[in-house]
Amino acid sequence: MISVLFENDSILKETSFGLDLHYQLELMLLKRKNNDFNLDVSFFKLDVLLIDLYNIIEKVKSIRLSNENSKIVLLIDSYSDHVCWIAKKIGLDGIFLKKLTSEMFYLKILSITETQNNICYKNYNPTIEFEKIESSLTDTEKRVLGYVGNGLCTKEISDLLNLSKRTIDNHRARILKKLEVKNNYGLVYIATVYNFSKIL
């Protein structure tokens, strides 16, 4: 029997296989008992833990400390260079799409628990080297990106950094070009995934 815990009910409900899992007798679906995620993870003897992207780096660090033998799998809507890079960087055991069928989900869970070296993204090669891109950002650009990730508008950022709105807009334009993203949504996504807000 494989014990499986979802980080929260909402990500389970977002999947196409969520309702069918209750009929999968081969899996033991665990139900969270507390509001404290870290407490639940350390309480259960887990084979597989499924998490979402929010604060992923901090979550993975705490999970490894409290339950180092558990396999950690990220649930996502679609693959992207950003997600695959971060998965490799922090050593996730797998990435599953939320639109999997229950049968495919079960087979992937089996694969991850039975294989020591399972890397579900081994055939996915990111086209962008994010380490080089991150190192190309200036300190001010990193701060601007962090504020963008926190949802601040140009005026709010200019007030915090004592710079003109035009200067902030120029910084944002340079960041967009360096990170090879097309819009503010892409900046928010990258700032969240790479925890740029932590440098503020």
Protein backbone atom coordinates (compact mmCIF):
# COMPACT_ATOMS: atom_id res chain seq x y z
CA MET A 1 0.00 0.00 0.00
CA ILE A 2 1.39 3.39 -1.02
CA SER A 3 0.63 6.31 1.30
CA VAL A 4 -0.12 9.54 -0.57
CA LEU A 5 -0.77 12.99 0.89
CA PHE A 6 -1.90 16.07 -1.03
CA GLU A 7 -0.63 19.36 0.34
CA ASN A 8 -4.19 20.68 0.44
CA ASP A 9 -7.68 19.79 -0.75
CA SER A 10 -7.76 22.56 -3.33
CA ILE A 11 -4.98 21.11 -5.50
CA LEU A 12 -6.66 17.69 -5.33
CA LYS A 13 -9.92 19.24 -6.55
CA GLU A 14 -8.10 20.93 -9.44
CA THR A 15 -7.02 17.57 -10.87
CA SER A 16 -8.95 15.49 -13.38
CA PHE A 17 -8.28 12.35 -11.34
CA GLY A 18 -9.21 13.65 -7.87
CA LEU A 19 -12.67 12.09 -7.54
CA ASP A 20 -11.58 8.73 -8.97
CA LEU A 21 -8.76 8.32 -6.48
CA HIS A 22 -11.15 7.32 -3.72
CA TYR A 23 -11.77 4.12 -5.65
CA GLN A 24 -8.10 3.25 -6.03
CA LEU A 25 -7.64 0.60 -3.35
CA GLU A 26 -3.90 0.35 -4.02
CA LEU A 27 -3.32 3.86 -2.68
CA MET A 28 -3.78 4.99 0.89
CA LEU A 29 -4.91 8.61 0.62
CA LEU A 30 -4.06 10.44 3.81
CA LYS A 31 -6.14 13.33 5.09
CA ARG A 32 -4.42 16.31 6.64
CA LYS A 33 -5.14 16.71 10.32
CA ASN A 34 -3.81 20.15 11.25
CA ASN A 35 -3.51 23.64 9.83
CA ASP A 36 0.27 23.39 10.16
CA PHE A 37 1.65 21.86 6.96
CA ASN A 38 5.05 21.01 8.47
CA LEU A 39 3.41 19.30 11.43
CA ASP A 40 1.30 17.12 9.15
CA VAL A 41 4.26 16.16 7.00
CA SER A 42 6.31 15.10 10.02
CA PHE A 43 3.30 13.27 11.54
CA PHE A 44 2.56 10.98 8.59
CA LYS A 45 4.77 8.18 7.28
CA LEU A 46 4.57 9.25 3.67
CA ASP A 47 5.60 7.56 0.47
CA VAL A 48 4.56 10.45 -1.77
CA LEU A 49 3.68 14.06 -1.08
CA LEU A 50 2.05 16.18 -3.80
CA ILE A 51 2.55 19.95 -3.64
CA ASP A 52 1.85 23.07 -5.71
CA LEU A 53 4.17 25.87 -6.86
CA TYR A 54 3.41 28.36 -4.09
CA ASN A 55 6.53 28.90 -1.92
CA ILE A 56 7.91 25.67 -3.35
CA ILE A 57 11.54 26.18 -2.33
CA GLU A 58 10.73 26.79 1.33
CA LYS A 59 8.29 23.86 1.40
CA VAL A 60 10.76 21.41 -0.10
CA LYS A 61 13.47 22.44 2.38
CA SER A 62 11.19 21.88 5.38
CA ILE A 63 9.85 18.58 4.00
CA ARG A 64 13.35 17.21 3.47
CA LEU A 65 14.22 18.06 7.06
CA SER A 66 11.16 16.42 8.62
CA ASN A 67 10.46 13.54 6.23
CA GLU A 68 13.54 12.94 4.11
CA ASN A 69 12.43 9.60 2.62
CA SER A 70 9.20 10.91 1.15
CA LYS A 71 9.03 11.46 -2.60
CA ILE A 72 8.01 15.03 -3.45
CA VAL A 73 5.94 15.56 -6.59
CA LEU A 74 4.82 18.88 -8.05
CA LEU A 75 1.32 19.16 -9.55
CA ILE A 76 1.12 21.63 -12.44
CA ASP A 77 -1.24 22.71 -15.21
CA SER A 78 1.38 22.58 -17.98
CA TYR A 79 5.12 22.15 -18.43
CA SER A 80 7.39 25.16 -18.90
CA ASP A 81 11.10 25.92 -18.87
CA HIS A 82 10.68 27.72 -15.54
CA VAL A 83 9.03 24.79 -13.80
CA CYS A 84 11.44 22.17 -15.12
CA TRP A 85 14.44 24.28 -14.17
CA ILE A 86 13.26 24.78 -10.61
CA ALA A 87 12.38 21.08 -10.31
CA LYS A 88 15.91 20.09 -11.26
CA LYS A 89 17.43 22.80 -9.09
CA ILE A 90 15.71 21.69 -5.87
CA GLY A 91 15.67 17.97 -6.61
CA LEU A 92 11.99 17.15 -6.94
CA ASP A 93 11.15 13.49 -7.50
CA GLY A 94 8.51 14.18 -10.11
CA ILE A 95 6.22 16.57 -11.94
CA PHE A 96 2.65 15.48 -12.69
CA LEU A 97 0.10 17.23 -14.84
CA LYS A 98 -3.23 17.88 -13.15
CA LYS A 99 -5.07 16.55 -16.21
CA LEU A 100 -3.79 12.97 -15.79
CA THR A 101 -6.27 10.12 -15.71
CA SER A 102 -6.49 8.22 -12.42
CA GLU A 103 -4.85 5.18 -14.07
CA MET A 104 -1.89 7.24 -15.31
CA PHE A 105 -1.59 8.93 -11.93
CA TYR A 106 -1.39 5.55 -10.22
CA LEU A 107 1.23 4.25 -12.68
CA LYS A 108 3.35 7.36 -12.18
CA ILE A 109 3.09 7.03 -8.39
CA LEU A 110 4.25 3.41 -8.72
CA SER A 111 7.14 4.44 -10.94
CA ILE A 112 8.33 7.08 -8.48
CA THR A 113 8.10 4.82 -5.41
CA GLU A 114 9.74 1.81 -7.08
CA THR A 115 12.58 3.62 -8.87
CA GLN A 116 15.46 5.13 -6.95
CA ASN A 117 16.56 7.46 -9.74
CA ASN A 118 13.25 8.49 -11.23
CA ILE A 119 13.46 11.86 -12.93
CA CYS A 120 10.16 12.48 -14.65
CA TYR A 121 11.50 15.47 -16.55
CA LYS A 122 14.63 13.78 -17.95
CA ASN A 123 13.45 14.22 -21.54
CA TYR A 124 12.50 17.85 -21.04
CA ASN A 125 15.39 20.20 -21.77
CA PRO A 126 14.92 23.83 -20.79
CA THR A 127 16.08 26.20 -23.51
CA ILE A 128 17.07 29.00 -21.14
CA GLU A 129 19.93 28.92 -18.64
CA PHE A 130 18.35 30.65 -15.68
CA GLU A 131 21.51 30.78 -13.57
CA LYS A 132 23.11 33.04 -16.19
CA ILE A 133 19.98 35.17 -16.51
CA GLU A 134 19.73 35.65 -12.74
CA SER A 135 23.38 36.63 -12.54
CA SER A 136 22.80 39.18 -15.32
CA LEU A 137 20.28 41.13 -13.21
CA THR A 138 21.58 44.09 -11.26
CA ASP A 139 20.76 44.39 -7.55
CA THR A 140 18.17 47.08 -8.33
CA GLU A 141 16.56 44.90 -10.99
CA LYS A 142 16.34 42.02 -8.51
CA ARG A 143 14.62 44.31 -6.02
CA VAL A 144 12.21 45.57 -8.66
CA LEU A 145 11.43 41.98 -9.64
CA GLY A 146 10.83 41.11 -6.00
CA TYR A 147 8.34 43.96 -5.62
CA VAL A 148 6.61 42.96 -8.86
CA GLY A 149 6.27 39.45 -7.44
CA ASN A 150 4.60 40.94 -4.38
CA GLY A 151 2.03 42.63 -6.61
CA LEU A 152 3.26 46.22 -6.32
CA CYS A 153 2.58 48.68 -9.16
CA THR A 154 5.19 50.97 -10.72
CA LYS A 155 4.29 53.96 -8.51
CA GLU A 156 4.55 51.91 -5.30
CA ILE A 157 7.93 50.53 -6.36
CA SER A 158 9.20 54.00 -7.30
CA ASP A 159 8.18 55.33 -3.87
CA LEU A 160 9.94 52.47 -2.07
CA LEU A 161 13.16 52.79 -4.07
CA ASN A 162 13.10 56.61 -4.31
CA LEU A 163 13.32 56.39 -8.09
CA SER A 164 11.11 57.94 -10.77
CA LYS A 165 8.30 55.94 -12.34
CA ARG A 166 10.09 56.22 -15.67
CA THR A 167 13.23 54.65 -14.18
CA ILE A 168 11.19 51.77 -12.76
CA ASP A 169 9.53 51.24 -16.14
CA ASN A 170 12.98 51.12 -17.73
CA HIS A 171 14.12 48.54 -15.16
CA ARG A 172 11.04 46.43 -15.87
CA ALA A 173 11.68 46.59 -19.61
CA ARG A 174 15.27 45.43 -19.13
CA ILE A 175 14.16 42.60 -16.82
CA LEU A 176 11.57 41.43 -19.37
CA LYS A 177 14.26 41.31 -22.04
CA LYS A 178 16.83 39.53 -19.87
CA LEU A 179 14.35 36.93 -18.61
CA GLU A 180 12.86 36.46 -22.06
CA VAL A 181 9.26 36.90 -20.92
CA LYS A 182 6.61 38.94 -22.68
CA ASN A 183 4.50 40.49 -19.94
CA ASN A 184 4.01 41.29 -16.27
CA TYR A 185 2.41 37.89 -15.64
CA GLY A 186 5.67 36.23 -16.62
CA LEU A 187 7.58 38.46 -14.20
CA VAL A 188 5.19 37.65 -11.35
CA TYR A 189 5.53 33.95 -12.11
CA ILE A 190 9.33 34.01 -12.12
CA ALA A 191 9.50 36.20 -9.02
CA THR A 192 7.24 33.74 -7.18
CA VAL A 193 8.97 30.56 -8.31
CA TYR A 194 12.48 31.86 -7.58
CA ASN A 195 11.50 33.63 -4.36
CA PHE A 196 12.83 37.03 -5.43
CA SER A 197 10.60 38.57 -2.78
CA LYS A 198 12.91 37.05 -0.14
CA ILE A 199 15.71 39.47 -1.05
CA LEU A 200 13.66 42.55 -0.10
